[in-house]
Amino acid sequence: MSARSSRIVHSEIPPELKALSSFHGHLGPYVVVGYRMGLFARSELKGKMKATVYTGLRPPVSCIVDGIQFSSGCTLGKGNIQVLDGNMARVVFTSEDEEMVMDLRTTVRNDIESQMTKETEEHLAMSIFRAHMNDLFDIRRAKKANAQRSMTSQ
């Protein structure tokens, strides 16, 4: 992932990222990380979803929270998202029958941290938007145990 120092022309930004930028206040890499996390979870998990985000509330990593709220439907207002301290680019999504843990790859976070400036943040955001999920995230999934079945088999 590399960042150029010139600003992106507004017409080069896809409509969904323009809307995300309007929601968040600017377009940076971490809000796009959260956006990608939320979109993936929404496409993969069935039923009602909850999110536990381990970023804490200190920018820039906490910008992930806004991206997740924007794309996943998990919002603070609905109470189906929780933000915990940790300074980690990690989210745990849970649905009725599955749990999915998503971690931003350490190499990607290091690239963001070493390259991000006001001049490069939009280019980094676009790189993250265009990257393959497997290049960005470590993803672990597990089916949740059916509590009722477990109780009746005891």
N, C-alpha and C. Protein backbone atom coordinates (compact mmCIF):
# COMPACT_ATOMS: atom_id res chain seq x y z
N MET A 1 0.86 -1.17 0.00
CA MET A 1 0.00 0.00 0.00
C MET A 1 0.90 1.23 0.00
N SER A 2 0.68 2.09 -0.95
CA SER A 2 1.47 3.31 -0.97
C SER A 2 0.55 4.51 -1.13
N ALA A 3 1.03 5.61 -0.62
CA ALA A 3 0.23 6.82 -0.65
C ALA A 3 0.95 7.89 -1.46
N ARG A 4 0.21 8.55 -2.32
CA ARG A 4 0.75 9.69 -3.03
C ARG A 4 0.44 10.93 -2.22
N SER A 5 1.18 11.99 -2.47
CA SER A 5 1.02 13.17 -1.63
C SER A 5 -0.02 14.16 -2.15
N SER A 6 -0.52 14.00 -3.36
CA SER A 6 -1.52 14.95 -3.86
C SER A 6 -2.92 14.51 -3.44
N ARG A 7 -3.81 15.50 -3.34
CA ARG A 7 -5.20 15.21 -2.97
C ARG A 7 -5.92 14.56 -4.15
N ILE A 8 -6.87 13.71 -3.84
CA ILE A 8 -7.68 13.06 -4.87
C ILE A 8 -8.73 14.04 -5.36
N VAL A 9 -8.96 14.05 -6.65
CA VAL A 9 -10.03 14.87 -7.22
C VAL A 9 -11.36 14.28 -6.76
N HIS A 10 -12.26 15.15 -6.32
CA HIS A 10 -13.54 14.70 -5.75
C HIS A 10 -14.28 13.74 -6.67
N SER A 11 -14.19 13.94 -7.99
CA SER A 11 -14.91 13.07 -8.93
C SER A 11 -14.32 11.67 -8.98
N GLU A 12 -13.10 11.47 -8.47
CA GLU A 12 -12.48 10.14 -8.45
C GLU A 12 -12.99 9.28 -7.29
N ILE A 13 -13.66 9.90 -6.34
CA ILE A 13 -14.13 9.18 -5.15
C ILE A 13 -15.49 8.55 -5.45
N PRO A 14 -15.63 7.23 -5.23
CA PRO A 14 -16.92 6.56 -5.47
C PRO A 14 -18.03 7.15 -4.59
N PRO A 15 -19.28 7.09 -5.05
CA PRO A 15 -20.40 7.68 -4.31
C PRO A 15 -20.51 7.18 -2.87
N GLU A 16 -20.27 5.87 -2.64
CA GLU A 16 -20.40 5.35 -1.28
C GLU A 16 -19.35 5.94 -0.35
N LEU A 17 -18.16 6.25 -0.89
CA LEU A 17 -17.14 6.87 -0.05
C LEU A 17 -17.41 8.36 0.15
N LYS A 18 -18.05 9.00 -0.81
CA LYS A 18 -18.48 10.39 -0.62
C LYS A 18 -19.48 10.46 0.53
N ALA A 19 -20.42 9.51 0.55
CA ALA A 19 -21.42 9.47 1.63
C ALA A 19 -20.75 9.17 2.96
N LEU A 20 -19.79 8.25 2.97
CA LEU A 20 -19.05 7.92 4.19
C LEU A 20 -18.29 9.14 4.69
N SER A 21 -17.64 9.85 3.79
CA SER A 21 -16.90 11.05 4.15
C SER A 21 -17.83 12.11 4.74
N SER A 22 -19.01 12.26 4.16
CA SER A 22 -19.99 13.21 4.67
C SER A 22 -20.44 12.83 6.08
N PHE A 23 -20.66 11.54 6.30
CA PHE A 23 -21.07 11.03 7.61
C PHE A 23 -19.97 11.26 8.65
N HIS A 24 -18.74 10.93 8.30
CA HIS A 24 -17.62 10.95 9.25
C HIS A 24 -16.96 12.33 9.38
N GLY A 25 -16.99 13.11 8.32
CA GLY A 25 -16.37 14.43 8.36
C GLY A 25 -15.15 14.55 7.46
N HIS A 26 -14.54 13.45 7.10
CA HIS A 26 -13.42 13.43 6.15
C HIS A 26 -13.21 11.98 5.73
N LEU A 27 -12.38 11.78 4.72
CA LEU A 27 -12.12 10.44 4.22
C LEU A 27 -10.70 10.04 4.58
N GLY A 28 -10.59 9.15 5.55
CA GLY A 28 -9.28 8.65 5.98
C GLY A 28 -9.26 7.14 5.95
N PRO A 29 -8.09 6.56 6.13
CA PRO A 29 -7.96 5.11 6.00
C PRO A 29 -8.74 4.32 7.05
N TYR A 30 -8.77 4.78 8.29
CA TYR A 30 -9.41 3.97 9.32
C TYR A 30 -10.93 3.94 9.18
N VAL A 31 -11.56 5.02 8.74
CA VAL A 31 -13.01 4.96 8.53
C VAL A 31 -13.33 3.99 7.39
N VAL A 32 -12.45 3.91 6.40
CA VAL A 32 -12.67 2.96 5.30
C VAL A 32 -12.41 1.54 5.76
N VAL A 33 -11.45 1.34 6.67
CA VAL A 33 -11.25 0.01 7.27
C VAL A 33 -12.54 -0.44 7.93
N GLY A 34 -13.14 0.42 8.76
CA GLY A 34 -14.40 0.07 9.42
C GLY A 34 -15.53 -0.16 8.44
N TYR A 35 -15.58 0.66 7.40
CA TYR A 35 -16.59 0.49 6.35
C TYR A 35 -16.48 -0.89 5.72
N ARG A 36 -15.27 -1.29 5.37
CA ARG A 36 -15.06 -2.61 4.75
C ARG A 36 -15.42 -3.73 5.73
N MET A 37 -15.07 -3.58 7.00
CA MET A 37 -15.42 -4.58 8.02
C MET A 37 -16.93 -4.75 8.10
N GLY A 38 -17.64 -3.65 8.21
CA GLY A 38 -19.09 -3.69 8.34
C GLY A 38 -19.79 -4.26 7.12
N LEU A 39 -19.34 -3.87 5.93
CA LEU A 39 -19.92 -4.41 4.70
C LEU A 39 -19.76 -5.92 4.63
N PHE A 40 -18.55 -6.39 4.95
CA PHE A 40 -18.29 -7.82 4.87
C PHE A 40 -19.16 -8.58 5.86
N ALA A 41 -19.24 -8.08 7.09
CA ALA A 41 -20.07 -8.75 8.10
C ALA A 41 -21.53 -8.79 7.68
N ARG A 42 -22.02 -7.67 7.16
CA ARG A 42 -23.42 -7.61 6.74
C ARG A 42 -23.70 -8.59 5.60
N SER A 43 -22.73 -8.81 4.73
CA SER A 43 -22.94 -9.73 3.61
C SER A 43 -22.80 -11.19 4.03
N GLU A 44 -22.11 -11.46 5.11
CA GLU A 44 -21.81 -12.83 5.50
C GLU A 44 -22.68 -13.38 6.63
N LEU A 45 -23.08 -12.53 7.55
CA LEU A 45 -23.83 -12.98 8.73
C LEU A 45 -25.32 -12.78 8.51
N LYS A 46 -26.09 -13.73 8.98
CA LYS A 46 -27.55 -13.68 8.80
C LYS A 46 -28.22 -13.23 10.09
N GLY A 47 -29.34 -12.57 9.94
CA GLY A 47 -30.13 -12.16 11.10
C GLY A 47 -29.59 -10.91 11.77
N LYS A 48 -30.07 -10.66 12.98
CA LYS A 48 -29.65 -9.48 13.72
C LYS A 48 -28.19 -9.61 14.11
N MET A 49 -27.50 -8.50 14.05
CA MET A 49 -26.07 -8.49 14.28
C MET A 49 -25.72 -7.52 15.41
N LYS A 50 -24.66 -7.86 16.13
CA LYS A 50 -24.07 -6.97 17.14
C LYS A 50 -22.59 -6.86 16.84
N ALA A 51 -21.99 -5.75 17.27
CA ALA A 51 -20.56 -5.55 17.06
C ALA A 51 -19.91 -5.10 18.35
N THR A 52 -18.75 -5.67 18.64
CA THR A 52 -17.90 -5.21 19.73
C THR A 52 -16.59 -4.79 19.10
N VAL A 53 -16.27 -3.51 19.25
CA VAL A 53 -15.10 -2.92 18.60
C VAL A 53 -14.06 -2.62 19.68
N TYR A 54 -12.82 -2.99 19.43
CA TYR A 54 -11.75 -2.89 20.43
C TYR A 54 -10.78 -1.74 20.14
N THR A 55 -11.27 -0.67 19.54
CA THR A 55 -10.40 0.46 19.19
C THR A 55 -10.20 1.44 20.33
N GLY A 56 -11.11 1.48 21.28
CA GLY A 56 -11.15 2.58 22.22
C GLY A 56 -11.73 3.79 21.50
N LEU A 57 -11.63 4.95 22.14
CA LEU A 57 -12.27 6.16 21.60
C LEU A 57 -11.27 7.23 21.16
N ARG A 58 -10.01 6.84 20.94
CA ARG A 58 -8.99 7.81 20.54
C ARG A 58 -8.69 7.71 19.05
N PRO A 59 -8.91 8.80 18.32
CA PRO A 59 -8.54 8.81 16.90
C PRO A 59 -7.02 8.65 16.75
N PRO A 60 -6.57 8.16 15.65
CA PRO A 60 -7.33 7.88 14.44
C PRO A 60 -7.96 6.49 14.40
N VAL A 61 -7.46 5.53 15.20
CA VAL A 61 -7.96 4.16 15.08
C VAL A 61 -9.45 4.06 15.41
N SER A 62 -9.95 4.93 16.28
CA SER A 62 -11.37 4.89 16.63
C SER A 62 -12.28 5.29 15.47
N CYS A 63 -11.72 5.85 14.41
CA CYS A 63 -12.52 6.17 13.21
C CYS A 63 -13.13 4.91 12.61
N ILE A 64 -12.54 3.76 12.93
CA ILE A 64 -13.09 2.47 12.49
C ILE A 64 -14.55 2.35 12.94
N VAL A 65 -14.86 2.85 14.13
CA VAL A 65 -16.21 2.74 14.68
C VAL A 65 -17.23 3.40 13.75
N ASP A 66 -16.92 4.59 13.25
CA ASP A 66 -17.85 5.26 12.34
C ASP A 66 -18.06 4.47 11.06
N GLY A 67 -16.99 3.90 10.53
CA GLY A 67 -17.13 3.09 9.32
C GLY A 67 -18.01 1.88 9.54
N ILE A 68 -17.85 1.24 10.70
CA ILE A 68 -18.68 0.08 11.03
C ILE A 68 -20.14 0.49 11.18
N GLN A 69 -20.39 1.59 11.88
CA GLN A 69 -21.77 2.04 12.05
C GLN A 69 -22.41 2.35 10.69
N PHE A 70 -21.66 3.00 9.82
CA PHE A 70 -22.18 3.42 8.52
C PHE A 70 -22.57 2.23 7.65
N SER A 71 -21.77 1.16 7.68
CA SER A 71 -21.99 0.06 6.73
C SER A 71 -22.68 -1.17 7.29
N SER A 72 -22.64 -1.36 8.60
CA SER A 72 -23.15 -2.62 9.16
C SER A 72 -24.58 -2.55 9.68
N GLY A 73 -25.02 -1.36 10.02
CA GLY A 73 -26.32 -1.24 10.68
C GLY A 73 -26.22 -1.37 12.19
N CYS A 74 -25.03 -1.63 12.69
CA CYS A 74 -24.79 -1.65 14.14
C CYS A 74 -24.47 -0.22 14.56
N THR A 75 -25.32 0.36 15.41
CA THR A 75 -25.12 1.76 15.79
C THR A 75 -25.23 1.95 17.29
N LEU A 76 -24.60 3.01 17.76
CA LEU A 76 -24.68 3.34 19.18
C LEU A 76 -26.12 3.66 19.58
N GLY A 77 -26.85 4.32 18.70
CA GLY A 77 -28.23 4.67 18.99
C GLY A 77 -29.13 3.46 19.19
N LYS A 78 -28.90 2.40 18.42
CA LYS A 78 -29.68 1.17 18.56
C LYS A 78 -29.14 0.29 19.67
N GLY A 79 -27.95 0.57 20.13
CA GLY A 79 -27.37 -0.22 21.21
C GLY A 79 -26.82 -1.56 20.78
N ASN A 80 -26.61 -1.76 19.48
CA ASN A 80 -26.07 -3.05 19.04
C ASN A 80 -24.60 -2.95 18.61
N ILE A 81 -23.93 -1.92 19.14
CA ILE A 81 -22.48 -1.81 18.99
C ILE A 81 -21.91 -1.35 20.33
N GLN A 82 -20.77 -1.88 20.65
CA GLN A 82 -20.09 -1.56 21.90
C GLN A 82 -18.64 -1.27 21.56
N VAL A 83 -18.08 -0.21 22.16
CA VAL A 83 -16.69 0.15 21.92
C VAL A 83 -15.93 -0.03 23.22
N LEU A 84 -14.90 -0.88 23.17
CA LEU A 84 -14.07 -1.16 24.34
C LEU A 84 -12.66 -0.64 24.12
N ASP A 85 -11.98 -0.32 25.22
CA ASP A 85 -10.59 0.11 25.13
C ASP A 85 -9.74 -1.04 24.62
N GLY A 86 -8.68 -0.71 23.96
CA GLY A 86 -7.78 -1.73 23.47
C GLY A 86 -6.80 -1.22 22.44
N ASN A 87 -7.13 -0.08 21.79
CA ASN A 87 -6.29 0.47 20.73
C ASN A 87 -5.95 -0.58 19.68
N MET A 88 -6.90 -1.49 19.44
CA MET A 88 -6.71 -2.55 18.45
C MET A 88 -7.68 -2.31 17.30
N ALA A 89 -7.25 -2.64 16.11
CA ALA A 89 -8.12 -2.55 14.93
C ALA A 89 -8.84 -3.89 14.79
N ARG A 90 -9.69 -4.18 15.77
CA ARG A 90 -10.40 -5.47 15.85
C ARG A 90 -11.88 -5.23 16.12
N VAL A 91 -12.70 -6.06 15.48
CA VAL A 91 -14.13 -6.07 15.76
C VAL A 91 -14.59 -7.52 15.83
N VAL A 92 -15.52 -7.77 16.74
CA VAL A 92 -16.18 -9.07 16.82
C VAL A 92 -17.65 -8.83 16.49
N PHE A 93 -18.09 -9.42 15.39
CA PHE A 93 -19.49 -9.36 15.00
C PHE A 93 -20.15 -10.65 15.45
N THR A 94 -21.33 -10.56 16.03
CA THR A 94 -22.09 -11.75 16.39
C THR A 94 -23.48 -11.64 15.79
N SER A 95 -23.94 -12.77 15.29
CA SER A 95 -25.32 -12.88 14.82
C SER A 95 -25.97 -13.96 15.67
N GLU A 96 -27.17 -14.35 15.30
CA GLU A 96 -27.88 -15.35 16.09
C GLU A 96 -27.15 -16.68 16.14
N ASP A 97 -26.42 -17.02 15.09
CA ASP A 97 -25.79 -18.35 15.06
C ASP A 97 -24.30 -18.36 14.75
N GLU A 98 -23.68 -17.19 14.64
CA GLU A 98 -22.28 -17.17 14.26
C GLU A 98 -21.54 -15.98 14.88
N GLU A 99 -20.24 -16.17 15.06
CA GLU A 99 -19.37 -15.10 15.52
C GLU A 99 -18.24 -14.95 14.51
N MET A 100 -17.89 -13.71 14.22
CA MET A 100 -16.80 -13.45 13.28
C MET A 100 -15.88 -12.39 13.90
N VAL A 101 -14.60 -12.73 13.98
CA VAL A 101 -13.58 -11.82 14.49
C VAL A 101 -12.78 -11.31 13.30
N MET A 102 -12.68 -9.99 13.19
CA MET A 102 -11.91 -9.38 12.11
C MET A 102 -10.81 -8.51 12.72
N ASP A 103 -9.58 -8.78 12.31
CA ASP A 103 -8.43 -7.98 12.72
C ASP A 103 -7.78 -7.37 11.49
N LEU A 104 -7.50 -6.08 11.55
CA LEU A 104 -6.70 -5.46 10.50
C LEU A 104 -5.30 -6.05 10.58
N ARG A 105 -4.78 -6.50 9.46
CA ARG A 105 -3.44 -7.09 9.46
C ARG A 105 -2.42 -6.06 9.99
N THR A 106 -1.48 -6.55 10.77
CA THR A 106 -0.45 -5.69 11.37
C THR A 106 0.32 -4.93 10.30
N THR A 107 0.62 -5.59 9.19
CA THR A 107 1.36 -4.92 8.12
C THR A 107 0.58 -3.74 7.54
N VAL A 108 -0.74 -3.90 7.43
CA VAL A 108 -1.57 -2.81 6.90
C VAL A 108 -1.61 -1.66 7.89
N ARG A 109 -1.78 -1.96 9.17
CA ARG A 109 -1.79 -0.89 10.17
C ARG A 109 -0.45 -0.17 10.21
N ASN A 110 0.63 -0.93 10.13
CA ASN A 110 1.96 -0.30 10.11
C ASN A 110 2.12 0.62 8.91
N ASP A 111 1.63 0.17 7.74
CA ASP A 111 1.68 1.01 6.54
C ASP A 111 0.89 2.30 6.74
N ILE A 112 -0.31 2.18 7.30
CA ILE A 112 -1.13 3.37 7.55
C ILE A 112 -0.39 4.32 8.48
N GLU A 113 0.10 3.79 9.59
CA GLU A 113 0.75 4.62 10.60
C GLU A 113 2.00 5.31 10.05
N SER A 114 2.75 4.62 9.21
CA SER A 114 4.01 5.20 8.71
C SER A 114 3.79 6.17 7.54
N GLN A 115 2.66 6.06 6.85
CA GLN A 115 2.45 6.87 5.64
C GLN A 115 1.40 7.97 5.79
N MET A 116 0.59 7.92 6.84
CA MET A 116 -0.56 8.83 6.90
C MET A 116 -0.16 10.25 7.28
N THR A 117 -0.56 11.16 6.41
CA THR A 117 -0.50 12.60 6.66
C THR A 117 -1.80 13.18 6.11
N LYS A 118 -2.05 14.44 6.35
CA LYS A 118 -3.23 15.09 5.77
C LYS A 118 -3.22 14.98 4.25
N GLU A 119 -2.02 15.03 3.66
CA GLU A 119 -1.89 14.97 2.21
C GLU A 119 -2.10 13.57 1.65
N THR A 120 -1.86 12.53 2.43
CA THR A 120 -1.93 11.16 1.91
C THR A 120 -3.15 10.38 2.36
N GLU A 121 -3.93 10.92 3.31
CA GLU A 121 -5.00 10.10 3.91
C GLU A 121 -6.04 9.64 2.90
N GLU A 122 -6.41 10.46 1.93
CA GLU A 122 -7.40 10.03 0.94
C GLU A 122 -6.86 8.94 0.03
N HIS A 123 -5.59 9.04 -0.34
CA HIS A 123 -4.99 7.99 -1.17
C HIS A 123 -4.92 6.67 -0.40
N LEU A 124 -4.55 6.74 0.87
CA LEU A 124 -4.55 5.52 1.69
C LEU A 124 -5.96 4.95 1.79
N ALA A 125 -6.94 5.82 1.98
CA ALA A 125 -8.34 5.38 2.07
C ALA A 125 -8.76 4.67 0.78
N MET A 126 -8.40 5.23 -0.37
CA MET A 126 -8.75 4.61 -1.65
C MET A 126 -8.03 3.28 -1.83
N SER A 127 -6.79 3.18 -1.38
CA SER A 127 -6.06 1.90 -1.46
C SER A 127 -6.76 0.83 -0.65
N ILE A 128 -7.24 1.20 0.53
CA ILE A 128 -7.95 0.25 1.39
C ILE A 128 -9.29 -0.12 0.76
N PHE A 129 -9.97 0.84 0.18
CA PHE A 129 -11.25 0.58 -0.48
C PHE A 129 -11.09 -0.42 -1.62
N ARG A 130 -10.00 -0.35 -2.35
CA ARG A 130 -9.78 -1.20 -3.53
C ARG A 130 -9.11 -2.53 -3.21
N ALA A 131 -8.53 -2.67 -2.04
CA ALA A 131 -7.76 -3.88 -1.70
C ALA A 131 -8.66 -5.09 -1.50
N HIS A 132 -8.10 -6.26 -1.71
CA HIS A 132 -8.81 -7.52 -1.47
C HIS A 132 -8.93 -7.74 0.04
N MET A 133 -10.05 -8.28 0.46
CA MET A 133 -10.28 -8.52 1.89
C MET A 133 -9.15 -9.31 2.55
N ASN A 134 -8.65 -10.34 1.87
CA ASN A 134 -7.59 -11.17 2.45
C ASN A 134 -6.28 -10.42 2.61
N ASP A 135 -6.09 -9.36 1.86
CA ASP A 135 -4.89 -8.54 2.02
C ASP A 135 -5.00 -7.58 3.20
N LEU A 136 -6.22 -7.30 3.61
CA LEU A 136 -6.46 -6.34 4.69
C LEU A 136 -6.65 -6.99 6.06
N PHE A 137 -7.38 -8.11 6.09
CA PHE A 137 -7.87 -8.62 7.36
C PHE A 137 -7.52 -10.08 7.61
N ASP A 138 -7.35 -10.39 8.88
CA ASP A 138 -7.38 -11.78 9.35
C ASP A 138 -8.79 -11.99 9.87
N ILE A 139 -9.47 -13.01 9.36
CA ILE A 139 -10.87 -13.24 9.70
C ILE A 139 -11.03 -14.65 10.24
N ARG A 140 -11.66 -14.75 11.42
CA ARG A 140 -11.95 -16.06 12.01
C ARG A 140 -13.45 -16.13 12.26
N ARG A 141 -14.03 -17.27 11.90
CA ARG A 141 -15.47 -17.46 12.08
C ARG A 141 -15.72 -18.73 12.86
N ALA A 142 -16.80 -18.69 13.65
CA ALA A 142 -17.20 -19.88 14.40
C ALA A 142 -18.71 -19.86 14.56
N LYS A 143 -19.31 -21.03 14.41
CA LYS A 143 -20.74 -21.18 14.69
C LYS A 143 -20.92 -21.11 16.20
N LYS A 144 -21.97 -20.43 16.62
CA LYS A 144 -22.28 -20.37 18.05
C LYS A 144 -23.00 -21.65 18.43
N ALA A 145 -22.68 -22.17 19.61
CA ALA A 145 -23.34 -23.38 20.09
C ALA A 145 -24.81 -23.08 20.35
N ASN A 146 -25.66 -24.01 19.99
CA ASN A 146 -27.09 -23.86 20.24
C ASN A 146 -27.33 -24.18 21.72
N ALA A 147 -27.61 -23.14 22.49
CA ALA A 147 -27.75 -23.30 23.94
C ALA A 147 -28.87 -24.26 24.31
N GLN A 148 -29.98 -24.20 23.58
CA GLN A 148 -31.10 -25.07 23.91
C GLN A 148 -30.74 -26.53 23.68
N ARG A 149 -30.06 -26.82 22.58
CA ARG A 149 -29.65 -28.19 22.29
C ARG A 149 -28.66 -28.68 23.36
N SER A 150 -27.75 -27.81 23.76
CA SER A 150 -26.77 -28.19 24.78
C SER A 150 -27.44 -28.52 26.10
N MET A 151 -28.45 -27.74 26.45
CA MET A 151 -29.11 -27.95 27.73
C MET A 151 -29.92 -29.25 27.72
N THR A 152 -30.53 -29.61 26.61
CA THR A 152 -31.36 -30.81 26.57
C THR A 152 -30.51 -32.08 26.50
N SER A 153 -29.27 -31.96 26.07
CA SER A 153 -28.43 -33.16 25.97
C SER A 153 -27.72 -33.47 27.28
N GLN A 154 -27.88 -32.63 28.30
CA GLN A 154 -27.19 -32.88 29.58
C GLN A 154 -27.96 -33.83 30.44
